[in-house]
Structures are given as structure tokens and as C-alpha cells.
Amino acid sequence: MVCKKYTRAYLHCLVTKDAMGSQLLSYHNLSYMMRLSRDLHMSIVEGRFPEFVRGFLRVQFPRGDVPKWVCNAMEVADIDISECCASTKCVTPIVQGQPLPIPVNANGAAPN
């Protein structure tokens, strides 16, 4: 209920000046994760998990800049998320102007 009772600006002010802000943010994050887990579980039970994933990605990445690791994971899970991506290739995340390193397997090769 934190997100319905306090504005983001108020929480930001609290976090920078008072320990209560961190506590309220924790409550908010727990509430969000519980709702997300419930909705995820229901999508699996109702047989609509791929649709749930696509809807989630559209909300989280409205410009279609889905990270490459998400694209790779969805490909392994056989979930088509092409409608969520801005282009046919997913985006390699950039941190401070540099692309994040691509993980490698035990043989030193990048996963497909």
C-alpha cells in the first residue's frame, strides 16, 4: 500500500534523510514482487505464460530495448517476443558507454 499512500518524490526525500524511507521502499518492493509472483503463477496455471511474458516486456521496455540476455532466455524457453523488440535483434546492455561483457560458457565460447 506504500505506492498508493506516498508519492515517489516523498519517498525519495525520506530515503535521503530518514531510515523510514528505506523501510517503506522495502514494503513497496515486497508488495510488487508478491503481485508479480502471483500473476506469474496464475498465467502458468491458466496456460497463458507466453502472453504474460510479452505483456510484461511491453510494460518494462516500451521502446523495445529488450536486453539480449532476455531474448536469449526467451528463445531457450521457446517464447516468441519479437513483437516486444524494436528491431529483429535485441539490445546489448550499455553501462557507462561500454557494452556489458557477454557471458561465456566453460569452454570460453559465448552462448548462442
PDB file of N, CA and C in Angstrom:
ATOM      1  N   MET A   1       0.812  -1.199   0.000  1.00  0.00           N
ATOM      2  CA  MET A   1       0.000   0.000   0.000  1.00  0.00           C
ATOM      3  C   MET A   1       0.856   1.265   0.000  1.00  0.00           C
ATOM      4  N   VAL A   2       2.149   1.101   0.105  1.00  0.00           N
ATOM      5  CA  VAL A   2       3.040   2.259   0.133  1.00  0.00           C
ATOM      6  C   VAL A   2       2.870   3.104  -1.116  1.00  0.00           C
ATOM      7  N   CYS A   3       2.814   2.442  -2.290  1.00  0.00           N
ATOM      8  CA  CYS A   3       2.757   3.201  -3.539  1.00  0.00           C
ATOM      9  C   CYS A   3       1.430   3.950  -3.689  1.00  0.00           C
ATOM     10  N   LYS A   4       0.390   3.545  -2.960  1.00  0.00           N
ATOM     11  CA  LYS A   4      -0.889   4.248  -3.037  1.00  0.00           C
ATOM     12  C   LYS A   4      -0.977   5.374  -2.013  1.00  0.00           C
ATOM     13  N   LYS A   5      -0.112   5.317  -0.998  1.00  0.00           N
ATOM     14  CA  LYS A   5      -0.210   6.272   0.094  1.00  0.00           C
ATOM     15  C   LYS A   5       0.822   7.400   0.004  1.00  0.00           C
ATOM     16  N   TYR A   6       1.995   7.131  -0.605  1.00  0.00           N
ATOM     17  CA  TYR A   6       3.067   8.112  -0.660  1.00  0.00           C
ATOM     18  C   TYR A   6       3.508   8.345  -2.102  1.00  0.00           C
ATOM     19  N   THR A   7       3.885   9.579  -2.408  1.00  0.00           N
ATOM     20  CA  THR A   7       4.383   9.882  -3.748  1.00  0.00           C
ATOM     21  C   THR A   7       5.839   9.432  -3.863  1.00  0.00           C
ATOM     22  N   ARG A   8       6.285   9.266  -5.107  1.00  0.00           N
ATOM     23  CA  ARG A   8       7.688   8.909  -5.344  1.00  0.00           C
ATOM     24  C   ARG A   8       8.615  10.002  -4.808  1.00  0.00           C
ATOM     25  N   ALA A   9       8.207  11.250  -4.977  1.00  0.00           N
ATOM     26  CA  ALA A   9       9.031  12.359  -4.503  1.00  0.00           C
ATOM     27  C   ALA A   9       9.183  12.309  -2.978  1.00  0.00           C
ATOM     28  N   TYR A  10       8.085  12.017  -2.275  1.00  0.00           N
ATOM     29  CA  TYR A  10       8.150  11.942  -0.820  1.00  0.00           C
ATOM     30  C   TYR A  10       9.055  10.794  -0.380  1.00  0.00           C
ATOM     31  N   LEU A  11       8.921   9.640  -1.031  1.00  0.00           N
ATOM     32  CA  LEU A  11       9.777   8.504  -0.685  1.00  0.00           C
ATOM     33  C   LEU A  11      11.239   8.817  -0.949  1.00  0.00           C
ATOM     34  N   HIS A  12      11.512   9.488  -2.065  1.00  0.00           N
ATOM     35  CA  HIS A  12      12.899   9.854  -2.376  1.00  0.00           C
ATOM     36  C   HIS A  12      13.462  10.764  -1.286  1.00  0.00           C
ATOM     37  N   CYS A  13      12.664  11.715  -0.871  1.00  0.00           N
ATOM     38  CA  CYS A  13      13.087  12.628   0.189  1.00  0.00           C
ATOM     39  C   CYS A  13      13.354  11.857   1.481  1.00  0.00           C
ATOM     40  N   LEU A  14      12.470  10.924   1.814  1.00  0.00           N
ATOM     41  CA  LEU A  14      12.650  10.131   3.027  1.00  0.00           C
ATOM     42  C   LEU A  14      13.915   9.274   2.963  1.00  0.00           C
ATOM     43  N   VAL A  15      14.155   8.641   1.828  1.00  0.00           N
ATOM     44  CA  VAL A  15      15.304   7.747   1.695  1.00  0.00           C
ATOM     45  C   VAL A  15      16.600   8.520   1.902  1.00  0.00           C
ATOM     46  N   THR A  16      16.645   9.743   1.433  1.00  0.00           N
ATOM     47  CA  THR A  16      17.873  10.517   1.560  1.00  0.00           C
ATOM     48  C   THR A  16      18.060  11.106   2.955  1.00  0.00           C
ATOM     49  N   LYS A  17      16.987  11.129   3.768  1.00  0.00           N
ATOM     50  CA  LYS A  17      17.092  11.789   5.075  1.00  0.00           C
ATOM     51  C   LYS A  17      16.682  10.927   6.269  1.00  0.00           C
ATOM     52  N   ASP A  18      15.985   9.830   6.022  1.00  0.00           N
ATOM     53  CA  ASP A  18      15.398   9.093   7.148  1.00  0.00           C
ATOM     54  C   ASP A  18      15.382   7.599   6.835  1.00  0.00           C
ATOM     55  N   ALA A  19      15.653   6.780   7.829  1.00  0.00           N
ATOM     56  CA  ALA A  19      15.651   5.323   7.639  1.00  0.00           C
ATOM     57  C   ALA A  19      14.256   4.799   7.299  1.00  0.00           C
ATOM     58  N   MET A  20      13.229   5.529   7.670  1.00  0.00           N
ATOM     59  CA  MET A  20      11.867   5.079   7.371  1.00  0.00           C
ATOM     60  C   MET A  20      11.634   4.969   5.861  1.00  0.00           C
ATOM     61  N   GLY A  21      12.299   5.804   5.101  1.00  0.00           N
ATOM     62  CA  GLY A  21      12.170   5.738   3.643  1.00  0.00           C
ATOM     63  C   GLY A  21      12.614   4.397   3.098  1.00  0.00           C
ATOM     64  N   SER A  22      13.725   3.893   3.586  1.00  0.00           N
ATOM     65  CA  SER A  22      14.208   2.583   3.143  1.00  0.00           C
ATOM     66  C   SER A  22      13.229   1.479   3.533  1.00  0.00           C
ATOM     67  N   GLN A  23      12.650   1.601   4.704  1.00  0.00           N
ATOM     68  CA  GLN A  23      11.677   0.610   5.151  1.00  0.00           C
ATOM     69  C   GLN A  23      10.433   0.642   4.258  1.00  0.00           C
ATOM     70  N   LEU A  24       9.961   1.830   3.932  1.00  0.00           N
ATOM     71  CA  LEU A  24       8.791   1.940   3.061  1.00  0.00           C
ATOM     72  C   LEU A  24       9.095   1.402   1.669  1.00  0.00           C
ATOM     73  N   LEU A  25      10.293   1.674   1.154  1.00  0.00           N
ATOM     74  CA  LEU A  25      10.671   1.135  -0.149  1.00  0.00           C
ATOM     75  C   LEU A  25      10.720  -0.388  -0.114  1.00  0.00           C
ATOM     76  N   SER A  26      11.203  -0.946   0.977  1.00  0.00           N
ATOM     77  CA  SER A  26      11.229  -2.407   1.111  1.00  0.00           C
ATOM     78  C   SER A  26       9.817  -2.975   1.093  1.00  0.00           C
ATOM     79  N   TYR A  27       8.893  -2.325   1.795  1.00  0.00           N
ATOM     80  CA  TYR A  27       7.496  -2.764   1.774  1.00  0.00           C
ATOM     81  C   TYR A  27       6.944  -2.715   0.354  1.00  0.00           C
ATOM     82  N   HIS A  28       7.214  -1.621  -0.343  1.00  0.00           N
ATOM     83  CA  HIS A  28       6.758  -1.480  -1.717  1.00  0.00           C
ATOM     84  C   HIS A  28       7.327  -2.592  -2.591  1.00  0.00           C
ATOM     85  N   ASN A  29       8.645  -2.831  -2.488  1.00  0.00           N
ATOM     86  CA  ASN A  29       9.290  -3.853  -3.317  1.00  0.00           C
ATOM     87  C   ASN A  29       8.754  -5.247  -3.017  1.00  0.00           C
ATOM     88  N   LEU A  30       8.519  -5.542  -1.755  1.00  0.00           N
ATOM     89  CA  LEU A  30       7.946  -6.847  -1.397  1.00  0.00           C
ATOM     90  C   LEU A  30       6.534  -6.992  -1.959  1.00  0.00           C
ATOM     91  N   SER A  31       5.759  -5.948  -1.859  1.00  0.00           N
ATOM     92  CA  SER A  31       4.398  -5.981  -2.392  1.00  0.00           C
ATOM     93  C   SER A  31       4.422  -6.195  -3.900  1.00  0.00           C
ATOM     94  N   TYR A  32       5.312  -5.474  -4.600  1.00  0.00           N
ATOM     95  CA  TYR A  32       5.435  -5.624  -6.046  1.00  0.00           C
ATOM     96  C   TYR A  32       5.828  -7.053  -6.414  1.00  0.00           C
ATOM     97  N   MET A  33       6.820  -7.599  -5.730  1.00  0.00           N
ATOM     98  CA  MET A  33       7.288  -8.953  -6.037  1.00  0.00           C
ATOM     99  C   MET A  33       6.208  -9.999  -5.741  1.00  0.00           C
ATOM    100  N   MET A  34       5.432  -9.793  -4.697  1.00  0.00           N
ATOM    101  CA  MET A  34       4.347 -10.725  -4.382  1.00  0.00           C
ATOM    102  C   MET A  34       3.271 -10.682  -5.467  1.00  0.00           C
ATOM    103  N   ARG A  35       2.900  -9.470  -5.931  1.00  0.00           N
ATOM    104  CA  ARG A  35       1.919  -9.355  -7.018  1.00  0.00           C
ATOM    105  C   ARG A  35       2.448  -9.974  -8.302  1.00  0.00           C
ATOM    106  N   LEU A  36       3.718  -9.694  -8.618  1.00  0.00           N
ATOM    107  CA  LEU A  36       4.329 -10.247  -9.820  1.00  0.00           C
ATOM    108  C   LEU A  36       4.346 -11.774  -9.761  1.00  0.00           C
ATOM    109  N   SER A  37       4.739 -12.328  -8.621  1.00  0.00           N
ATOM    110  CA  SER A  37       4.774 -13.785  -8.462  1.00  0.00           C
ATOM    111  C   SER A  37       3.383 -14.401  -8.580  1.00  0.00           C
ATOM    112  N   ARG A  38       2.398 -13.744  -7.977  1.00  0.00           N
ATOM    113  CA  ARG A  38       1.016 -14.237  -8.062  1.00  0.00           C
ATOM    114  C   ARG A  38       0.534 -14.235  -9.508  1.00  0.00           C
ATOM    115  N   ASP A  39       0.762 -13.126 -10.204  1.00  0.00           N
ATOM    116  CA  ASP A  39       0.318 -13.016 -11.590  1.00  0.00           C
ATOM    117  C   ASP A  39       1.056 -14.002 -12.494  1.00  0.00           C
ATOM    118  N   LEU A  40       2.340 -14.178 -12.246  1.00  0.00           N
ATOM    119  CA  LEU A  40       3.135 -15.143 -12.999  1.00  0.00           C
ATOM    120  C   LEU A  40       2.601 -16.553 -12.781  1.00  0.00           C
ATOM    121  N   HIS A  41       2.349 -16.899 -11.535  1.00  0.00           N
ATOM    122  CA  HIS A  41       1.815 -18.229 -11.200  1.00  0.00           C
ATOM    123  C   HIS A  41       0.465 -18.459 -11.888  1.00  0.00           C
ATOM    124  N   MET A  42      -0.409 -17.463 -11.807  1.00  0.00           N
ATOM    125  CA  MET A  42      -1.733 -17.613 -12.428  1.00  0.00           C
ATOM    126  C   MET A  42      -1.620 -17.771 -13.945  1.00  0.00           C
ATOM    127  N   SER A  43      -0.665 -17.068 -14.562  1.00  0.00           N
ATOM    128  CA  SER A  43      -0.509 -17.192 -16.017  1.00  0.00           C
ATOM    129  C   SER A  43      -0.077 -18.603 -16.388  1.00  0.00           C
ATOM    130  N   ILE A  44       0.740 -19.215 -15.543  1.00  0.00           N
ATOM    131  CA  ILE A  44       1.171 -20.598 -15.797  1.00  0.00           C
ATOM    132  C   ILE A  44      -0.004 -21.547 -15.616  1.00  0.00           C
ATOM    133  N   VAL A  45      -0.729 -21.389 -14.512  1.00  0.00           N
ATOM    134  CA  VAL A  45      -1.881 -22.259 -14.223  1.00  0.00           C
ATOM    135  C   VAL A  45      -2.929 -22.152 -15.328  1.00  0.00           C
ATOM    136  N   GLU A  46      -3.156 -20.935 -15.829  1.00  0.00           N
ATOM    137  CA  GLU A  46      -4.176 -20.699 -16.852  1.00  0.00           C
ATOM    138  C   GLU A  46      -3.667 -20.946 -18.274  1.00  0.00           C
ATOM    139  N   GLY A  47      -2.405 -21.354 -18.411  1.00  0.00           N
ATOM    140  CA  GLY A  47      -1.860 -21.672 -19.725  1.00  0.00           C
ATOM    141  C   GLY A  47      -1.608 -20.469 -20.618  1.00  0.00           C
ATOM    142  N   ARG A  48      -1.340 -19.315 -20.010  1.00  0.00           N
ATOM    143  CA  ARG A  48      -1.095 -18.118 -20.806  1.00  0.00           C
ATOM    144  C   ARG A  48       0.239 -17.462 -20.451  1.00  0.00           C
ATOM    145  N   PHE A  49       1.218 -18.264 -20.069  1.00  0.00           N
ATOM    146  CA  PHE A  49       2.527 -17.746 -19.682  1.00  0.00           C
ATOM    147  C   PHE A  49       3.199 -16.939 -20.797  1.00  0.00           C
ATOM    148  N   PRO A  50       3.248 -17.416 -22.048  1.00  0.00           N
ATOM    149  CA  PRO A  50       3.891 -16.610 -23.100  1.00  0.00           C
ATOM    150  C   PRO A  50       3.250 -15.219 -23.253  1.00  0.00           C
ATOM    151  N   GLU A  51       1.923 -15.140 -23.153  1.00  0.00           N
ATOM    152  CA  GLU A  51       1.245 -13.854 -23.254  1.00  0.00           C
ATOM    153  C   GLU A  51       1.620 -12.955 -22.074  1.00  0.00           C
ATOM    154  N   PHE A  52       1.730 -13.558 -20.889  1.00  0.00           N
ATOM    155  CA  PHE A  52       2.136 -12.804 -19.703  1.00  0.00           C
ATOM    156  C   PHE A  52       3.527 -12.210 -19.903  1.00  0.00           C
ATOM    157  N   VAL A  53       4.444 -13.030 -20.405  1.00  0.00           N
ATOM    158  CA  VAL A  53       5.823 -12.569 -20.639  1.00  0.00           C
ATOM    159  C   VAL A  53       5.834 -11.413 -21.623  1.00  0.00           C
ATOM    160  N   ARG A  54       5.117 -11.550 -22.730  1.00  0.00           N
ATOM    161  CA  ARG A  54       5.087 -10.485 -23.731  1.00  0.00           C
ATOM    162  C   ARG A  54       4.493  -9.190 -23.154  1.00  0.00           C
ATOM    163  N   GLY A  55       3.421  -9.308 -22.385  1.00  0.00           N
ATOM    164  CA  GLY A  55       2.825  -8.130 -21.755  1.00  0.00           C
ATOM    165  C   GLY A  55       3.775  -7.476 -20.766  1.00  0.00           C
ATOM    166  N   PHE A  56       4.450  -8.293 -19.975  1.00  0.00           N
ATOM    167  CA  PHE A  56       5.418  -7.783 -19.005  1.00  0.00           C
ATOM    168  C   PHE A  56       6.546  -7.033 -19.711  1.00  0.00           C
ATOM    169  N   LEU A  57       7.062  -7.620 -20.790  1.00  0.00           N
ATOM    170  CA  LEU A  57       8.163  -6.990 -21.522  1.00  0.00           C
ATOM    171  C   LEU A  57       7.719  -5.690 -22.193  1.00  0.00           C
ATOM    172  N   ARG A  58       6.488  -5.643 -22.686  1.00  0.00           N
ATOM    173  CA  ARG A  58       5.992  -4.399 -23.295  1.00  0.00           C
ATOM    174  C   ARG A  58       5.929  -3.273 -22.268  1.00  0.00           C
ATOM    175  N   VAL A  59       5.557  -3.615 -21.035  1.00  0.00           N
ATOM    176  CA  VAL A  59       5.488  -2.608 -19.977  1.00  0.00           C
ATOM    177  C   VAL A  59       6.894  -2.206 -19.523  1.00  0.00           C
ATOM    178  N   GLN A  60       7.775  -3.167 -19.328  1.00  0.00           N
ATOM    179  CA  GLN A  60       9.117  -2.887 -18.824  1.00  0.00           C
ATOM    180  C   GLN A  60      10.022  -2.218 -19.855  1.00  0.00           C
ATOM    181  N   PHE A  61       9.813  -2.526 -21.136  1.00  0.00           N
ATOM    182  CA  PHE A  61      10.659  -1.995 -22.210  1.00  0.00           C
ATOM    183  C   PHE A  61       9.771  -1.409 -23.318  1.00  0.00           C
ATOM    184  N   PRO A  62       9.075  -0.300 -23.036  1.00  0.00           N
ATOM    185  CA  PRO A  62       8.130   0.244 -24.011  1.00  0.00           C
ATOM    186  C   PRO A  62       8.779   0.684 -25.324  1.00  0.00           C
ATOM    187  N   ARG A  63      10.072   0.992 -25.302  1.00  0.00           N
ATOM    188  CA  ARG A  63      10.754   1.378 -26.542  1.00  0.00           C
ATOM    189  C   ARG A  63      11.286   0.166 -27.299  1.00  0.00           C
ATOM    190  N   GLY A  64      11.066  -1.029 -26.758  1.00  0.00           N
ATOM    191  CA  GLY A  64      11.512  -2.239 -27.431  1.00  0.00           C
ATOM    192  C   GLY A  64      12.970  -2.564 -27.210  1.00  0.00           C
ATOM    193  N   ASP A  65      13.610  -1.935 -26.232  1.00  0.00           N
ATOM    194  CA  ASP A  65      15.031  -2.159 -25.980  1.00  0.00           C
ATOM    195  C   ASP A  65      15.246  -3.315 -24.991  1.00  0.00           C
ATOM    196  N   VAL A  66      14.708  -4.468 -25.348  1.00  0.00           N
ATOM    197  CA  VAL A  66      14.801  -5.664 -24.506  1.00  0.00           C
ATOM    198  C   VAL A  66      16.257  -6.141 -24.488  1.00  0.00           C
ATOM    199  N   PRO A  67      16.830  -6.378 -23.297  1.00  0.00           N
ATOM    200  CA  PRO A  67      18.220  -6.835 -23.227  1.00  0.00           C
ATOM    201  C   PRO A  67      18.419  -8.177 -23.937  1.00  0.00           C
ATOM    202  N   LYS A  68      19.595  -8.344 -24.479  1.00  0.00           N
ATOM    203  CA  LYS A  68      19.911  -9.549 -25.234  1.00  0.00           C
ATOM    204  C   LYS A  68      19.760 -10.810 -24.392  1.00  0.00           C
ATOM    205  N   TRP A  69      20.144 -10.748 -23.116  1.00  0.00           N
ATOM    206  CA  TRP A  69      20.041 -11.941 -22.276  1.00  0.00           C
ATOM    207  C   TRP A  69      18.587 -12.373 -22.110  1.00  0.00           C
ATOM    208  N   VAL A  70      17.652 -11.415 -22.117  1.00  0.00           N
ATOM    209  CA  VAL A  70      16.234 -11.759 -22.024  1.00  0.00           C
ATOM    210  C   VAL A  70      15.802 -12.452 -23.309  1.00  0.00           C
ATOM    211  N   CYS A  71      16.250 -11.900 -24.445  1.00  0.00           N
ATOM    212  CA  CYS A  71      15.931 -12.524 -25.735  1.00  0.00           C
ATOM    213  C   CYS A  71      16.458 -13.948 -25.790  1.00  0.00           C
ATOM    214  N   ASN A  72      17.692 -14.138 -25.337  1.00  0.00           N
ATOM    215  CA  ASN A  72      18.286 -15.473 -25.334  1.00  0.00           C
ATOM    216  C   ASN A  72      17.494 -16.429 -24.444  1.00  0.00           C
ATOM    217  N   ALA A  73      17.115 -15.964 -23.258  1.00  0.00           N
ATOM    218  CA  ALA A  73      16.352 -16.806 -22.331  1.00  0.00           C
ATOM    219  C   ALA A  73      14.995 -17.172 -22.916  1.00  0.00           C
ATOM    220  N   MET A  74      14.330 -16.223 -23.553  1.00  0.00           N
ATOM    221  CA  MET A  74      13.017 -16.499 -24.135  1.00  0.00           C
ATOM    222  C   MET A  74      13.136 -17.428 -25.339  1.00  0.00           C
ATOM    223  N   GLU A  75      14.226 -17.330 -26.067  1.00  0.00           N
ATOM    224  CA  GLU A  75      14.452 -18.250 -27.184  1.00  0.00           C
ATOM    225  C   GLU A  75      14.609 -19.681 -26.664  1.00  0.00           C
ATOM    226  N   VAL A  76      15.364 -19.847 -25.584  1.00  0.00           N
ATOM    227  CA  VAL A  76      15.535 -21.171 -24.978  1.00  0.00           C
ATOM    228  C   VAL A  76      14.194 -21.699 -24.465  1.00  0.00           C
ATOM    229  N   ALA A  77      13.370 -20.800 -23.918  1.00  0.00           N
ATOM    230  CA  ALA A  77      12.057 -21.188 -23.398  1.00  0.00           C
ATOM    231  C   ALA A  77      11.016 -21.325 -24.509  1.00  0.00           C
ATOM    232  N   ASP A  78      11.423 -21.058 -25.757  1.00  0.00           N
ATOM    233  CA  ASP A  78      10.547 -21.150 -26.927  1.00  0.00           C
ATOM    234  C   ASP A  78       9.357 -20.189 -26.823  1.00  0.00           C
ATOM    235  N   ILE A  79       9.661 -18.960 -26.375  1.00  0.00           N
ATOM    236  CA  ILE A  79       8.644 -17.908 -26.300  1.00  0.00           C
ATOM    237  C   ILE A  79       9.037 -16.811 -27.280  1.00  0.00           C
ATOM    238  N   ASP A  80       8.169 -16.546 -28.250  1.00  0.00           N
ATOM    239  CA  ASP A  80       8.440 -15.530 -29.262  1.00  0.00           C
ATOM    240  C   ASP A  80       8.145 -14.148 -28.690  1.00  0.00           C
ATOM    241  N   ILE A  81       9.181 -13.322 -28.556  1.00  0.00           N
ATOM    242  CA  ILE A  81       8.998 -11.959 -28.048  1.00  0.00           C
ATOM    243  C   ILE A  81       9.345 -10.927 -29.112  1.00  0.00           C
ATOM    244  N   SER A  82       9.359 -11.335 -30.368  1.00  0.00           N
ATOM    245  CA  SER A  82       9.754 -10.420 -31.443  1.00  0.00           C
ATOM    246  C   SER A  82       8.878  -9.168 -31.484  1.00  0.00           C
ATOM    247  N   GLU A  83       7.615  -9.283 -31.102  1.00  0.00           N
ATOM    248  CA  GLU A  83       6.730  -8.119 -31.117  1.00  0.00           C
ATOM    249  C   GLU A  83       7.105  -7.102 -30.045  1.00  0.00           C
ATOM    250  N   CYS A  84       7.901  -7.512 -29.069  1.00  0.00           N
ATOM    251  CA  CYS A  84       8.306  -6.620 -27.973  1.00  0.00           C
ATOM    252  C   CYS A  84       9.607  -5.897 -28.266  1.00  0.00           C
ATOM    253  N   CYS A  85      10.314  -6.315 -29.306  1.00  0.00           N
ATOM    254  CA  CYS A  85      11.629  -5.753 -29.606  1.00  0.00           C
ATOM    255  C   CYS A  85      11.523  -4.690 -30.688  1.00  0.00           C
ATOM    256  N   ALA A  86      12.341  -3.639 -30.551  1.00  0.00           N
ATOM    257  CA  ALA A  86      12.323  -2.543 -31.517  1.00  0.00           C
ATOM    258  C   ALA A  86      12.850  -2.981 -32.875  1.00  0.00           C
ATOM    259  N   SER A  87      13.756  -3.931 -32.878  1.00  0.00           N
ATOM    260  CA  SER A  87      14.302  -4.444 -34.135  1.00  0.00           C
ATOM    261  C   SER A  87      14.349  -5.963 -34.042  1.00  0.00           C
ATOM    262  N   THR A  88      14.869  -6.589 -35.076  1.00  0.00           N
ATOM    263  CA  THR A  88      14.937  -8.048 -35.058  1.00  0.00           C
ATOM    264  C   THR A  88      15.992  -8.540 -34.092  1.00  0.00           C
ATOM    265  N   LYS A  89      16.932  -7.686 -33.712  1.00  0.00           N
ATOM    266  CA  LYS A  89      17.955  -8.070 -32.744  1.00  0.00           C
ATOM    267  C   LYS A  89      17.668  -7.365 -31.427  1.00  0.00           C
ATOM    268  N   CYS A  90      17.886  -8.072 -30.345  1.00  0.00           N
ATOM    269  CA  CYS A  90      17.721  -7.457 -29.041  1.00  0.00           C
ATOM    270  C   CYS A  90      18.951  -6.617 -28.725  1.00  0.00           C
ATOM    271  N   VAL A  91      18.827  -5.803 -27.715  1.00  0.00           N
ATOM    272  CA  VAL A  91      19.849  -4.813 -27.385  1.00  0.00           C
ATOM    273  C   VAL A  91      20.870  -5.376 -26.414  1.00  0.00           C
ATOM    274  N   THR A  92      22.154  -5.121 -26.688  1.00  0.00           N
ATOM    275  CA  THR A  92      23.203  -5.441 -25.729  1.00  0.00           C
ATOM    276  C   THR A  92      23.242  -4.295 -24.732  1.00  0.00           C
ATOM    277  N   PRO A  93      23.114  -4.593 -23.430  1.00  0.00           N
ATOM    278  CA  PRO A  93      23.077  -3.521 -22.432  1.00  0.00           C
ATOM    279  C   PRO A  93      24.358  -2.689 -22.442  1.00  0.00           C
ATOM    280  N   ILE A  94      24.219  -1.384 -22.260  1.00  0.00           N
ATOM    281  CA  ILE A  94      25.351  -0.467 -22.223  1.00  0.00           C
ATOM    282  C   ILE A  94      25.425   0.136 -20.825  1.00  0.00           C
ATOM    283  N   VAL A  95      26.609   0.093 -20.220  1.00  0.00           N
ATOM    284  CA  VAL A  95      26.825   0.688 -18.908  1.00  0.00           C
ATOM    285  C   VAL A  95      27.989   1.657 -19.037  1.00  0.00           C
ATOM    286  N   GLN A  96      27.758   2.907 -18.700  1.00  0.00           N
ATOM    287  CA  GLN A  96      28.767   3.963 -18.778  1.00  0.00           C
ATOM    288  C   GLN A  96      29.446   3.989 -20.145  1.00  0.00           C
ATOM    289  N   GLY A  97      28.629   3.876 -21.198  1.00  0.00           N
ATOM    290  CA  GLY A  97      29.142   3.982 -22.554  1.00  0.00           C
ATOM    291  C   GLY A  97      29.797   2.733 -23.094  1.00  0.00           C
ATOM    292  N   GLN A  98      29.898   1.671 -22.295  1.00  0.00           N
ATOM    293  CA  GLN A  98      30.538   0.431 -22.723  1.00  0.00           C
ATOM    294  C   GLN A  98      29.535  -0.709 -22.684  1.00  0.00           C
ATOM    295  N   PRO A  99      29.540  -1.597 -23.699  1.00  0.00           N
ATOM    296  CA  PRO A  99      28.640  -2.750 -23.637  1.00  0.00           C
ATOM    297  C   PRO A  99      29.052  -3.683 -22.503  1.00  0.00           C
ATOM    298  N   LEU A 100      28.057  -4.282 -21.882  1.00  0.00           N
ATOM    299  CA  LEU A 100      28.356  -5.269 -20.841  1.00  0.00           C
ATOM    300  C   LEU A 100      29.017  -6.483 -21.473  1.00  0.00           C
ATOM    301  N   PRO A 101      29.925  -7.125 -20.764  1.00  0.00           N
ATOM    302  CA  PRO A 101      30.564  -8.310 -21.335  1.00  0.00           C
ATOM    303  C   PRO A 101      29.550  -9.421 -21.553  1.00  0.00           C
ATOM    304  N   ILE A 102      29.746 -10.170 -22.621  1.00  0.00           N
ATOM    305  CA  ILE A 102      28.873 -11.290 -22.921  1.00  0.00           C
ATOM    306  C   ILE A 102      29.357 -12.489 -22.126  1.00  0.00           C
ATOM    307  N   PRO A 103      28.469 -13.154 -21.400  1.00  0.00           N
ATOM    308  CA  PRO A 103      28.920 -14.306 -20.615  1.00  0.00           C
ATOM    309  C   PRO A 103      29.424 -15.412 -21.532  1.00  0.00           C
ATOM    310  N   VAL A 104      30.343 -16.196 -21.012  1.00  0.00           N
ATOM    311  CA  VAL A 104      30.893 -17.319 -21.770  1.00  0.00           C
ATOM    312  C   VAL A 104      30.654 -18.593 -20.986  1.00  0.00           C
ATOM    313  N   ASN A 105      30.608 -19.704 -21.716  1.00  0.00           N
ATOM    314  CA  ASN A 105      30.432 -20.992 -21.049  1.00  0.00           C
ATOM    315  C   ASN A 105      31.786 -21.542 -20.600  1.00  0.00           C
ATOM    316  N   ALA A 106      31.806 -22.758 -20.081  1.00  0.00           N
ATOM    317  CA  ALA A 106      33.033 -23.345 -19.560  1.00  0.00           C
ATOM    318  C   ALA A 106      34.111 -23.496 -20.634  1.00  0.00           C
ATOM    319  N   ASN A 107      33.711 -23.584 -21.890  1.00  0.00           N
ATOM    320  CA  ASN A 107      34.682 -23.722 -22.976  1.00  0.00           C
ATOM    321  C   ASN A 107      35.190 -22.363 -23.474  1.00  0.00           C
ATOM    322  N   GLY A 108      34.719 -21.270 -22.891  1.00  0.00           N
ATOM    323  CA  GLY A 108      35.141 -19.955 -23.313  1.00  0.00           C
ATOM    324  C   GLY A 108      34.368 -19.395 -24.488  1.00  0.00           C
ATOM    325  N   ALA A 109      33.308 -20.082 -24.897  1.00  0.00           N
ATOM    326  CA  ALA A 109      32.513 -19.638 -26.045  1.00  0.00           C
ATOM    327  C   ALA A 109      31.270 -18.901 -25.550  1.00  0.00           C
ATOM    328  N   ALA A 110      30.851 -17.892 -26.308  1.00  0.00           N
ATOM    329  CA  ALA A 110      29.634 -17.166 -25.976  1.00  0.00           C
ATOM    330  C   ALA A 110      28.429 -18.050 -26.269  1.00  0.00           C
ATOM    331  N   PRO A 111      27.423 -18.041 -25.397  1.00  0.00           N
ATOM    332  CA  PRO A 111      26.223 -18.847 -25.670  1.00  0.00           C
ATOM    333  C   PRO A 111      25.508 -18.295 -26.881  1.00  0.00           C
ATOM    334  N   ASN A 112      24.788 -19.175 -27.583  1.00  0.00           N
ATOM    335  CA  ASN A 112      24.055 -18.764 -28.802  1.00  0.00           C
ATOM    336  C   ASN A 112      22.805 -18.019 -28.435  1.00  0.00           C
TER     337      ASN A 112
END
